[in-house]
Protein backbone atom coordinates (compact mmCIF):
# COMPACT_ATOMS: atom_id res chain seq x y z
CA UNK A 1 0.08 -19.71 60.87
CA UNK A 2 -3.55 -19.56 62.00
CA UNK A 3 -2.99 -16.04 63.39
CA UNK A 4 -1.43 -14.91 60.12
CA UNK A 5 -4.46 -16.10 58.14
CA UNK A 6 -6.82 -14.40 60.61
CA UNK A 7 -4.90 -11.12 60.28
CA UNK A 8 -4.99 -11.34 56.48
CA UNK A 9 -8.77 -11.94 56.48
CA UNK A 10 -9.29 -9.09 58.94
CA UNK A 11 -7.18 -6.77 56.79
CA UNK A 12 -9.17 -7.60 53.66
CA UNK A 13 -12.46 -7.09 55.47
CA UNK A 14 -11.36 -3.72 56.83
CA UNK A 15 -10.17 -2.50 53.42
CA UNK A 16 -13.57 -3.35 51.91
CA UNK A 17 -15.30 -1.07 54.42
CA UNK A 18 -13.38 2.04 53.47
CA UNK A 19 -15.35 4.81 51.80
CA UNK A 20 -14.37 5.80 48.29
CA UNK A 21 -12.81 9.21 47.70
CA UNK A 22 -13.52 10.85 44.35
CA UNK A 23 -11.66 14.12 44.79
CA UNK A 24 -12.89 17.63 44.21
CA UNK A 25 -12.62 20.28 41.54
CA UNK A 26 -11.78 23.66 42.98
CA UNK A 27 -13.78 26.76 42.07
CA UNK A 28 -12.13 29.10 39.59
CA UNK A 29 -10.57 32.25 41.02
CA UNK A 30 -11.91 35.38 39.30
CA UNK A 31 -8.39 36.45 38.28
CA UNK A 32 -7.87 33.12 36.54
CA UNK A 33 -11.16 33.35 34.65
CA UNK A 34 -10.18 36.74 33.24
CA UNK A 35 -6.97 35.33 31.74
CA UNK A 36 -8.54 32.23 30.18
CA UNK A 37 -8.96 32.01 26.43
CA UNK A 38 -11.94 30.32 24.79
CA UNK A 39 -9.70 27.34 24.07
CA UNK A 40 -8.71 27.18 27.76
CA UNK A 41 -12.36 27.27 28.78
CA UNK A 42 -13.27 24.53 26.29
CA UNK A 43 -10.40 22.33 27.52
CA UNK A 44 -11.36 22.85 31.16
CA UNK A 45 -15.02 22.08 30.40
CA UNK A 46 -13.88 18.85 28.76
CA UNK A 47 -11.87 17.98 31.88
CA UNK A 48 -14.88 18.69 34.12
CA UNK A 49 -17.08 16.45 31.97
CA UNK A 50 -14.47 13.69 32.23
CA UNK A 51 -14.35 14.06 36.00
CA UNK A 52 -18.15 13.82 36.21
CA UNK A 53 -18.12 10.76 33.96
CA UNK A 54 -15.58 9.03 36.20
CA UNK A 55 -17.55 9.86 39.36
CA UNK A 56 -20.83 8.66 37.85
CA UNK A 57 -19.28 5.52 36.35
CA UNK A 58 -17.57 4.38 39.56
CA UNK A 59 -18.93 0.95 40.45
CA UNK A 60 -21.02 0.51 43.57
CA UNK A 61 -19.51 -1.99 45.97
CA UNK A 62 -21.34 -4.43 48.21
CA UNK A 63 -20.46 -2.89 51.55
CA UNK A 64 -22.10 -2.11 54.90
CA UNK A 65 -24.85 0.52 54.96
CA UNK A 66 -22.84 3.13 56.88
CA UNK A 67 -20.08 3.00 54.28
CA UNK A 68 -22.67 3.23 51.47
CA UNK A 69 -23.97 6.43 53.07
CA UNK A 70 -20.45 7.87 53.27
CA UNK A 71 -19.82 6.90 49.64
CA UNK A 72 -23.06 8.58 48.57
CA UNK A 73 -22.11 11.77 50.40
CA UNK A 74 -18.62 11.67 48.93
CA UNK A 75 -19.99 11.19 45.41
CA UNK A 76 -22.52 14.02 45.91
CA UNK A 77 -19.78 16.37 47.14
CA UNK A 78 -17.57 15.51 44.15
CA UNK A 79 -20.47 16.14 41.76
CA UNK A 80 -21.30 19.46 43.47
CA UNK A 81 -17.70 20.66 43.12
CA UNK A 82 -17.75 19.79 39.41
CA UNK A 83 -21.12 21.47 38.86
CA UNK A 84 -19.83 24.66 40.50
CA UNK A 85 -16.77 24.72 38.27
CA UNK A 86 -18.83 23.92 35.16
CA UNK A 87 -21.23 26.79 35.93
CA UNK A 88 -18.29 29.18 36.29
CA UNK A 89 -16.80 28.00 33.01
CA UNK A 90 -20.10 28.32 31.17
CA UNK A 91 -20.52 31.86 32.53
CA UNK A 92 -16.99 32.73 31.37
CA UNK A 93 -17.75 31.20 27.98
CA UNK A 94 -20.85 33.39 27.65
CA UNK A 95 -19.03 36.51 28.87
CA UNK A 96 -16.30 36.03 26.27
CA UNK A 97 -18.84 35.06 23.60
CA UNK A 98 -16.91 31.92 22.77
CA UNK A 99 -17.77 29.83 19.74
CA UNK A 100 -18.42 26.53 21.50
CA UNK A 101 -17.55 24.36 18.50
CA UNK A 102 -14.35 26.16 17.57
CA UNK A 103 -13.04 27.13 21.03
CA UNK A 104 -12.48 30.76 20.14
CA UNK A 105 -14.26 34.10 20.50
CA UNK A 106 -16.97 34.79 17.96
CA UNK A 107 -16.55 37.74 15.70
CA UNK A 108 -19.00 40.57 16.22
């Protein structure tokens, strides 16, 4: 019984030391950008903003310093992937002259 309790405590301690993983947003392929409508761009921008919100809102845990460093790097990498995608979407939005509020191309 004593060994079982020790294993359970060890397992909980080890799980608390694991670095968080936030995921990544992939860059947009040029061929995909060319086929996107203004509504598609607006929806994808909304998704990117939601991803950034989730990454920034993730609670900091009380964990060892080495794991905090890994978590910081992981969070920075997730943010960088989102910023890259957002920049691509904003460029596509400008190229298509999208009406930001309506999600469609402006009339010239």
